[in-house]
Amino acid sequence: MPKWEVWLDGIPPSANKIWETKIHCKKRIVKGMVQKKHFAKVTLSQPYDLWLEVNMRKIWQENTTRKFPADLVEIRIWLYGGKGWTKSRDPDNIVKPCVDLITKAGLIDDDNCTIVQRVIVTYVPAPSKKCVAHCVIQLSDYVQEEAWTPSRSA
């Protein structure tokens, strides 16, 4: 059973669209000649930054504890299809934005494997064309199962 849950405002941007590259040009004059130097600056995309900001505020308003108490965490992401979600989009590309969100909101210390033990994404198709797509993140204590060991055929 989840110990913490949030219904997000808007669908998370794809992990493929988190970063944007802006090309800049610097000009300088050397020995009467104009030299141009181009360089790229990589920054968070504006839609991703806005989505993070809106949903962090929502988490802070709804969450009074600020930090999830477990050492080991399981994250469940429920993606409900509808307007705003295309069926050709990869559901696995919403994992990074969702995990970044709960990390930046301060619910977990980090998103590495020492804390996040399992991430499960479930896509639920829209029951009708009038539904608006939305996403729900649930956090719960990770319950360790017996480790799976691959069998080898001789």
Protein backbone atom coordinates (compact mmCIF):
# COMPACT_ATOMS: atom_id res chain seq x y z
CA MET A 1 0.00 0.00 0.00
CA PRO A 2 1.44 3.40 -0.94
CA LYS A 3 2.43 5.67 1.91
CA TRP A 4 2.49 8.80 -0.21
CA GLU A 5 0.75 9.78 -3.44
CA VAL A 6 0.42 12.85 -5.66
CA TRP A 7 -1.73 13.53 -8.72
CA LEU A 8 0.42 15.63 -11.01
CA ASP A 9 -0.65 18.69 -12.95
CA GLY A 10 -0.01 17.83 -16.57
CA ILE A 11 1.84 14.94 -18.14
CA PRO A 12 5.59 14.86 -17.46
CA PRO A 13 7.71 15.93 -20.42
CA SER A 14 9.60 13.15 -22.15
CA ALA A 15 13.12 12.45 -20.89
CA ASN A 16 14.15 13.14 -24.50
CA LYS A 17 12.99 16.76 -24.09
CA ILE A 18 14.48 17.64 -20.70
CA TRP A 19 17.55 19.36 -22.11
CA GLU A 20 17.87 21.94 -24.86
CA THR A 21 20.98 23.17 -26.58
CA LYS A 22 21.44 26.81 -27.47
CA ILE A 23 24.19 27.78 -29.87
CA HIS A 24 25.96 31.06 -29.08
CA CYS A 25 28.48 32.98 -31.11
CA LYS A 26 31.24 35.24 -29.78
CA LYS A 27 33.02 37.62 -32.08
CA ARG A 28 36.39 39.21 -31.52
CA ILE A 29 38.81 41.12 -33.66
CA VAL A 30 42.34 39.78 -33.94
CA LYS A 31 44.85 41.63 -36.15
CA GLY A 32 42.04 43.40 -37.99
CA MET A 33 40.18 40.15 -38.73
CA VAL A 34 36.85 39.16 -37.20
CA GLN A 35 36.97 35.74 -35.59
CA LYS A 36 33.83 33.89 -34.61
CA LYS A 37 33.71 31.23 -31.97
CA HIS A 38 30.59 29.11 -31.65
CA PHE A 39 29.77 27.23 -28.51
CA ALA A 40 26.81 25.28 -27.22
CA LYS A 41 25.12 25.83 -23.90
CA VAL A 42 22.99 23.00 -22.57
CA THR A 43 20.18 23.99 -20.19
CA LEU A 44 16.94 22.58 -18.83
CA SER A 45 14.15 23.09 -21.32
CA GLN A 46 11.55 25.70 -20.43
CA PRO A 47 8.56 23.26 -20.51
CA TYR A 48 10.42 20.83 -18.22
CA ASP A 49 11.47 23.59 -15.82
CA LEU A 50 7.91 24.92 -15.65
CA TRP A 51 6.45 21.43 -15.12
CA LEU A 52 8.90 20.81 -12.26
CA GLU A 53 8.12 24.16 -10.63
CA VAL A 54 4.33 23.71 -10.78
CA ASN A 55 4.41 20.17 -9.43
CA MET A 56 6.98 20.88 -6.69
CA ARG A 57 4.63 23.57 -5.36
CA LYS A 58 1.78 21.08 -5.47
CA ILE A 59 3.83 18.51 -3.54
CA TRP A 60 4.86 21.06 -0.92
CA GLN A 61 1.23 22.16 -0.44
CA GLU A 62 -0.09 18.60 -0.10
CA ASN A 63 2.82 17.09 1.83
CA THR A 64 3.40 18.16 5.40
CA THR A 65 6.21 15.71 6.25
CA ARG A 66 8.51 16.97 3.45
CA LYS A 67 10.62 13.78 3.52
CA PHE A 68 9.61 10.19 2.88
CA PRO A 69 10.68 8.21 5.96
CA ALA A 70 11.92 5.00 4.29
CA ASP A 71 15.56 4.21 3.55
CA LEU A 72 14.66 2.02 0.57
CA VAL A 73 11.90 3.22 -1.73
CA GLU A 74 9.63 1.78 -4.38
CA ILE A 75 8.20 4.27 -6.88
CA ARG A 76 5.03 3.52 -8.81
CA ILE A 77 4.07 5.76 -11.69
CA TRP A 78 0.53 5.46 -13.02
CA LEU A 79 0.05 7.01 -16.43
CA TYR A 80 -3.57 7.46 -17.44
CA GLY A 81 -4.00 7.99 -21.17
CA GLY A 82 -6.24 10.59 -22.78
CA LYS A 83 -5.93 14.06 -24.31
CA GLY A 84 -2.33 15.18 -24.04
CA TRP A 85 -0.83 11.71 -24.43
CA THR A 86 -0.06 10.09 -27.76
CA LYS A 87 -0.10 6.32 -28.03
CA SER A 88 3.23 6.36 -29.89
CA ARG A 89 5.01 7.97 -26.91
CA ASP A 90 7.25 5.72 -24.81
CA PRO A 91 5.99 5.37 -21.22
CA ASP A 92 9.52 4.72 -19.94
CA ASN A 93 10.49 8.30 -20.82
CA ILE A 94 8.39 9.68 -17.95
CA VAL A 95 10.42 7.89 -15.29
CA LYS A 96 13.28 10.42 -15.22
CA PRO A 97 11.08 13.53 -14.87
CA CYS A 98 8.95 11.90 -12.15
CA VAL A 99 11.95 10.71 -10.13
CA ASP A 100 13.64 14.10 -10.57
CA LEU A 101 10.48 15.76 -9.27
CA ILE A 102 10.30 13.79 -6.00
CA THR A 103 14.05 14.25 -5.50
CA LYS A 104 14.00 18.02 -6.12
CA ALA A 105 10.89 18.35 -3.92
CA GLY A 106 12.95 16.80 -1.09
CA LEU A 107 10.90 13.64 -0.60
CA ILE A 108 13.95 11.44 -1.12
CA ASP A 109 17.62 12.35 -0.70
CA ASP A 110 18.79 11.05 -4.05
CA ASP A 111 17.55 8.99 -6.98
CA ASN A 112 20.40 6.48 -7.01
CA CYS A 113 20.17 2.72 -6.41
CA THR A 114 21.01 2.97 -2.72
CA ILE A 115 17.58 4.57 -2.16
CA VAL A 116 15.37 3.80 -5.18
CA GLN A 117 15.14 0.03 -5.35
CA ARG A 118 12.25 -0.37 -7.76
CA VAL A 119 10.40 1.79 -10.29
CA ILE A 120 7.19 0.50 -11.85
CA VAL A 121 5.38 2.28 -14.68
CA THR A 122 1.81 1.29 -15.50
CA TYR A 123 -0.07 2.68 -18.47
CA VAL A 124 -3.86 2.75 -18.22
CA PRO A 125 -5.66 3.48 -21.51
CA ALA A 126 -8.31 6.19 -21.46
CA PRO A 127 -11.86 4.82 -21.07
CA SER A 128 -13.15 7.50 -23.49
CA LYS A 129 -11.85 10.17 -25.85
CA LYS A 130 -13.08 12.90 -23.48
CA CYS A 131 -10.62 11.96 -20.70
CA VAL A 132 -7.57 14.13 -20.08
CA ALA A 133 -4.28 12.32 -19.58
CA HIS A 134 -2.76 12.52 -16.12
CA CYS A 135 -0.05 10.95 -14.01
CA VAL A 136 0.06 9.73 -10.41
CA ILE A 137 3.25 9.03 -8.43
CA GLN A 138 3.17 6.73 -5.40
CA LEU A 139 6.00 6.14 -2.93
CA SER A 140 6.16 3.21 -0.57
CA ASP A 141 8.67 1.25 1.48
CA TYR A 142 10.58 -1.21 -0.65
CA VAL A 143 9.90 -4.78 0.36
CA GLN A 144 12.73 -7.01 -0.73
CA GLU A 145 11.80 -10.16 -2.58
CA GLU A 146 13.90 -13.23 -3.11
CA ALA A 147 16.60 -12.37 -5.62
CA TRP A 148 16.16 -13.78 -9.08
CA THR A 149 19.10 -15.75 -10.38
CA PRO A 150 19.28 -16.54 -14.08
CA SER A 151 19.52 -20.23 -14.86
CA ARG A 152 22.20 -21.33 -17.27
CA SER A 153 21.82 -24.18 -19.68
CA ALA A 154 24.87 -26.32 -20.08
